[in-house]
Protein backbone atom coordinates (compact mmCIF):
# COMPACT_ATOMS: atom_id res chain seq x y z
CA UNK A 1 -35.50 -43.84 122.88
CA UNK A 2 -32.02 -45.22 123.60
CA UNK A 3 -31.39 -48.93 123.09
CA UNK A 4 -28.50 -51.10 124.12
CA UNK A 5 -27.15 -53.33 121.37
CA UNK A 6 -24.66 -56.11 121.93
CA UNK A 7 -22.95 -56.86 118.66
CA UNK A 8 -20.81 -59.87 117.88
CA UNK A 9 -17.11 -58.99 117.87
CA UNK A 10 -16.75 -59.56 114.12
CA UNK A 11 -19.64 -57.21 113.31
CA UNK A 12 -18.34 -54.57 115.70
CA UNK A 13 -14.91 -54.78 114.08
CA UNK A 14 -16.48 -54.36 110.64
CA UNK A 15 -18.38 -51.31 111.82
CA UNK A 16 -15.24 -49.89 113.40
CA UNK A 17 -13.40 -50.37 110.10
CA UNK A 18 -16.17 -48.41 108.33
CA UNK A 19 -15.91 -45.66 110.95
CA UNK A 20 -12.17 -45.36 110.30
CA UNK A 21 -12.56 -45.59 106.52
CA UNK A 22 -15.50 -43.23 106.06
CA UNK A 23 -15.17 -40.87 109.00
CA UNK A 24 -18.85 -41.39 109.78
CA UNK A 25 -19.98 -42.11 113.33
CA UNK A 26 -20.80 -45.63 114.43
CA UNK A 27 -24.24 -44.37 115.46
CA UNK A 28 -24.95 -43.07 111.96
CA UNK A 29 -23.76 -46.31 110.36
CA UNK A 30 -25.93 -48.41 112.68
CA UNK A 31 -28.94 -46.17 111.99
CA UNK A 32 -28.41 -46.58 108.23
CA UNK A 33 -28.17 -50.35 108.59
CA UNK A 34 -31.34 -50.49 110.65
CA UNK A 35 -33.27 -48.23 108.28
CA UNK A 36 -32.33 -50.37 105.27
CA UNK A 37 -32.86 -53.62 107.13
CA UNK A 38 -36.27 -52.62 108.46
CA UNK A 39 -37.32 -51.41 105.01
CA UNK A 40 -36.29 -54.75 103.49
CA UNK A 41 -38.03 -56.67 106.27
CA UNK A 42 -41.23 -54.63 105.84
CA UNK A 43 -41.23 -55.29 102.10
CA UNK A 44 -40.61 -58.99 102.62
CA UNK A 45 -43.30 -59.38 105.24
CA UNK A 46 -45.85 -57.34 103.32
CA UNK A 47 -45.25 -59.45 100.20
CA UNK A 48 -45.85 -62.57 102.30
CA UNK A 49 -49.05 -61.20 103.75
CA UNK A 50 -47.57 -60.54 107.18
CA UNK A 51 -46.28 -64.04 107.79
CA UNK A 52 -42.89 -64.01 109.50
CA UNK A 53 -41.93 -67.30 107.93
CA UNK A 54 -43.52 -69.68 105.53
CA UNK A 55 -43.13 -73.42 105.36
CA UNK A 56 -41.30 -74.42 102.18
CA UNK A 57 -43.54 -75.68 99.42
CA UNK A 58 -42.39 -78.70 97.46
CA UNK A 59 -42.28 -78.62 93.69
CA UNK A 60 -44.95 -81.35 93.64
CA UNK A 61 -47.25 -79.19 95.74
CA UNK A 62 -46.68 -76.18 93.48
CA UNK A 63 -47.45 -78.23 90.39
CA UNK A 64 -50.67 -79.63 91.92
CA UNK A 65 -51.80 -76.13 92.99
CA UNK A 66 -51.09 -74.71 89.55
CA UNK A 67 -52.96 -77.50 87.81
CA UNK A 68 -49.85 -78.59 85.93
CA UNK A 69 -49.08 -81.64 88.04
CA UNK A 70 -50.74 -84.97 88.58
């Protein structure tokens, strides 16, 4: 399914530089970036139990939960 992506100018210029340097198509480069990014995002979210973001835990809270703190 086709998608329309609007990239910031700096990112588009970086991709264009890769196209010129490698001879690969911009489509292929974007697909590679998405595949790697989605894989990293899946791994991150699965390790967090599906939570998109987690509130930061203070060191005091971590110590209390571990039984090492007061």
